[in-house]
Amino acid sequence: RSVFNRHVAEITENSQENTLRQEDAHQRTTLSMQKTQSRDLGKLRQEYEDVLSARQIESESRNRESLDQVQFEKRMMQRDYAMEQRSMIRNYEKKLQDQREEYQSVIDELKLDMEKVNRQAQKSKMDEVQAQQKAHERQMTQLEQQQKERERVLIENYETELDNARKAHARIIRSKG
C-alpha cells in the first residue's frame, strides 16, 4: 500500500503538476492570446484612427478645396461683374460724350443759323433804314424843289403884281396928271 499510496501520491502529484503546467500553459496561452488580441486590437484601433484621421483630413481637404473653389468662383464672378460694370460705365460715358458732341453740333448749327438770321435782319433793317433815308432825302429834295418852285412862283406873282401895281400906279399918276 505504501507503494500504491506513493504511486497514487506520485500520480496525483504528477497530475497536479500536469494540471498546474497545463493551467500555466493555458494562462500563458491566454495571456499570449490576450496580448496578441490586445496588440491586434491596438493595431486595428490605430488603423481605424488612421483611416478616420485620413478620412477627416480628406474631408477637410475636400471642404477646403470646395471652399477654395467657391471663393475662386466668387472672386471670378465679382471680377466679371466689376468688368461688366466698367464696360457699362464706359458705354454710358461714350454715349454721353456722343450726345454732348451731337448737342454741341446742333447748338453750333443753331448759333450759325441765328447769326445768319441776325445778319440778315440787320441787313434788312439797314436796307430799310437806307431806303427810308433815301425816301426821306427824295421827299426833302422834292419839298425843297416845291418850296423853290413856290418861291419862284410867288416871286413871279409878286413881281407881276408889283409890275401891275407900278403900271396901275403909273396910270393913276398919268391919269391925274
Protein backbone atom coordinates (compact mmCIF):
# COMPACT_ATOMS: atom_id res chain seq x y z
CA ARG A 1 0.00 0.00 0.00
CA SER A 2 2.63 2.39 0.59
CA VAL A 3 3.85 1.86 -2.90
CA PHE A 4 0.40 2.25 -4.05
CA ASN A 5 0.00 5.34 -1.96
CA ARG A 6 3.28 6.62 -3.14
CA HIS A 7 2.32 5.78 -6.62
CA VAL A 8 -1.07 7.43 -6.20
CA ALA A 9 0.68 10.34 -4.50
CA GLU A 10 3.12 10.47 -7.37
CA ILE A 11 0.35 10.23 -9.92
CA THR A 12 -1.61 12.80 -8.01
CA GLU A 13 1.45 14.94 -7.75
CA ASN A 14 2.20 14.40 -11.45
CA SER A 15 -1.39 15.00 -12.21
CA GLN A 16 -1.33 18.17 -10.15
CA GLU A 17 1.92 19.22 -11.77
CA ASN A 18 0.48 18.49 -15.20
CA THR A 19 -2.65 20.36 -14.27
CA LEU A 20 -0.55 23.22 -12.96
CA ARG A 21 1.60 23.11 -16.08
CA GLN A 22 -1.49 22.95 -18.25
CA GLU A 23 -3.06 25.76 -16.30
CA ASP A 24 0.20 27.67 -16.53
CA ALA A 25 0.42 26.92 -20.28
CA HIS A 26 -3.21 27.79 -20.60
CA GLN A 27 -2.65 31.02 -18.71
CA ARG A 28 0.44 31.78 -20.85
CA THR A 29 -1.53 30.95 -23.99
CA THR A 30 -4.45 33.02 -22.74
CA LEU A 31 -2.07 35.80 -21.77
CA SER A 32 -0.30 35.50 -25.10
CA MET A 33 -3.64 35.48 -26.88
CA GLN A 34 -4.79 38.44 -24.81
CA LYS A 35 -1.55 40.25 -25.61
CA THR A 36 -1.91 39.30 -29.28
CA GLN A 37 -5.57 40.33 -29.23
CA SER A 38 -4.69 43.50 -27.38
CA ARG A 39 -1.89 44.19 -29.86
CA ASP A 40 -4.20 43.33 -32.78
CA LEU A 41 -6.95 45.47 -31.30
CA GLY A 42 -4.39 48.23 -30.77
CA LYS A 43 -3.31 47.85 -34.39
CA LEU A 44 -6.93 47.78 -35.53
CA ARG A 45 -7.68 50.80 -33.35
CA GLN A 46 -4.60 52.56 -34.74
CA GLU A 47 -5.59 51.60 -38.29
CA TYR A 48 -9.16 52.73 -37.60
CA GLU A 49 -7.89 56.01 -36.14
CA ASP A 50 -5.50 56.38 -39.11
CA VAL A 51 -8.35 55.68 -41.55
CA LEU A 52 -10.62 58.02 -39.61
CA SER A 53 -7.89 60.66 -39.48
CA ALA A 54 -7.16 60.16 -43.18
CA ARG A 55 -10.87 60.45 -44.00
CA GLN A 56 -11.16 63.51 -41.78
CA ILE A 57 -8.09 65.03 -43.45
CA GLU A 58 -9.50 64.06 -46.85
CA SER A 59 -12.90 65.52 -45.88
CA GLU A 60 -11.26 68.69 -44.61
CA SER A 61 -9.17 68.81 -47.77
CA ARG A 62 -12.29 68.38 -49.93
CA ASN A 63 -14.08 71.02 -47.85
CA ARG A 64 -11.10 73.33 -48.19
CA GLU A 65 -10.95 72.65 -51.93
CA SER A 66 -14.70 73.25 -52.20
CA LEU A 67 -14.35 76.44 -50.18
CA ASP A 68 -11.36 77.50 -52.29
CA GLN A 69 -13.35 76.70 -55.45
CA VAL A 70 -16.36 78.63 -54.17
CA GLN A 71 -14.14 81.58 -53.19
CA PHE A 72 -12.41 81.42 -56.56
CA GLU A 73 -15.75 81.33 -58.36
CA LYS A 74 -16.97 84.18 -56.16
CA ARG A 75 -13.87 86.25 -56.99
CA MET A 76 -14.29 85.44 -60.67
CA MET A 77 -17.96 86.43 -60.53
CA GLN A 78 -17.04 89.64 -58.71
CA ARG A 79 -14.33 90.32 -61.27
CA ASP A 80 -16.71 89.59 -64.14
CA TYR A 81 -19.36 91.78 -62.52
CA ALA A 82 -16.84 94.60 -61.99
CA MET A 83 -15.64 94.26 -65.59
CA GLU A 84 -19.24 94.30 -66.82
CA GLN A 85 -19.97 97.39 -64.74
CA ARG A 86 -16.82 99.13 -66.01
CA SER A 87 -17.84 98.21 -69.54
CA MET A 88 -21.34 99.57 -68.96
CA ILE A 89 -19.91 102.76 -67.46
CA ARG A 90 -17.58 103.17 -70.45
CA ASN A 91 -20.52 102.61 -72.80
CA TYR A 92 -22.67 105.13 -70.93
CA GLU A 93 -19.81 107.63 -70.86
CA LYS A 94 -19.25 107.10 -74.59
CA LYS A 95 -22.97 107.55 -75.28
CA LEU A 96 -22.97 110.65 -73.08
CA GLN A 97 -19.93 112.02 -74.90
CA ASP A 98 -21.57 111.26 -78.26
CA GLN A 99 -24.72 113.06 -77.12
CA ARG A 100 -22.65 116.02 -75.92
CA GLU A 101 -20.90 116.19 -79.26
CA GLU A 102 -24.20 115.84 -81.11
CA TYR A 103 -25.86 118.52 -78.97
CA GLN A 104 -22.81 120.75 -79.32
CA SER A 105 -23.02 120.28 -83.08
CA VAL A 106 -26.72 121.17 -83.02
CA ILE A 107 -26.00 124.18 -80.78
CA ASP A 108 -23.21 125.32 -83.12
CA GLU A 109 -25.55 124.95 -86.11
CA LEU A 110 -28.25 126.89 -84.27
CA LYS A 111 -25.74 129.60 -83.38
CA LEU A 112 -24.67 129.84 -87.02
CA ASP A 113 -28.30 129.95 -88.13
CA MET A 114 -29.10 132.62 -85.52
CA GLU A 115 -26.06 134.65 -86.55
CA LYS A 116 -27.14 134.34 -90.18
CA VAL A 117 -30.71 135.36 -89.27
CA ASN A 118 -29.36 138.25 -87.19
CA ARG A 119 -27.10 139.39 -90.04
CA GLN A 120 -29.99 139.12 -92.46
CA ALA A 121 -32.25 141.01 -90.05
CA GLN A 122 -29.58 143.67 -89.55
CA LYS A 123 -29.02 143.91 -93.28
CA SER A 124 -32.76 144.08 -93.82
CA LYS A 125 -33.07 146.80 -91.15
CA MET A 126 -30.09 148.65 -92.65
CA ASP A 127 -31.62 148.34 -96.12
CA GLU A 128 -34.94 149.54 -94.72
CA VAL A 129 -33.25 152.43 -92.91
CA GLN A 130 -31.32 153.31 -96.07
CA ALA A 131 -34.49 153.07 -98.15
CA GLN A 132 -36.31 155.27 -95.63
CA GLN A 133 -33.35 157.63 -95.61
CA LYS A 134 -33.32 157.77 -99.43
CA ALA A 135 -37.10 158.21 -99.47
CA HIS A 136 -36.75 160.93 -96.90
CA GLU A 137 -33.96 162.55 -98.91
CA ARG A 138 -36.09 162.34 -102.06
CA GLN A 139 -39.03 163.76 -100.16
CA MET A 140 -36.80 166.51 -98.78
CA THR A 141 -35.44 167.16 -102.26
CA GLN A 142 -38.99 167.26 -103.66
CA LEU A 143 -40.09 169.54 -100.84
CA GLU A 144 -37.09 171.77 -101.45
CA GLN A 145 -37.88 171.85 -105.17
CA GLN A 146 -41.55 172.50 -104.42
CA GLN A 147 -40.51 175.25 -101.99
CA LYS A 148 -38.18 176.74 -104.57
CA GLU A 149 -40.94 176.45 -107.19
CA ARG A 150 -43.40 178.19 -104.85
CA GLU A 151 -40.86 180.85 -104.06
CA ARG A 152 -40.24 181.34 -107.76
CA VAL A 153 -43.99 181.36 -108.47
CA LEU A 154 -44.57 183.72 -105.54
CA ILE A 155 -41.70 185.90 -106.64
CA GLU A 156 -43.06 185.93 -110.17
CA ASN A 157 -46.54 186.64 -108.85
CA TYR A 158 -45.24 189.38 -106.58
CA GLU A 159 -43.14 190.78 -109.40
CA THR A 160 -46.14 190.57 -111.72
CA GLU A 161 -48.36 192.18 -109.12
CA LEU A 162 -45.66 194.69 -108.34
CA ASP A 163 -45.34 195.42 -112.08
CA ASN A 164 -49.13 195.62 -112.31
CA ALA A 165 -49.23 197.82 -109.22
CA ARG A 166 -46.45 200.01 -110.69
CA LYS A 167 -48.23 200.15 -114.03
CA ALA A 168 -51.51 200.86 -112.24
CA HIS A 169 -49.79 203.42 -110.10
CA ALA A 170 -48.15 204.91 -113.17
CA ARG A 171 -51.51 205.03 -114.95
CA ILE A 172 -53.11 206.63 -111.97
CA ILE A 173 -50.35 209.18 -111.85
CA ARG A 174 -50.63 209.74 -115.58
CA SER A 175 -54.35 209.98 -115.43
CA LYS A 176 -54.12 212.51 -112.69
CA GLY A 177 -51.68 214.46 -114.22
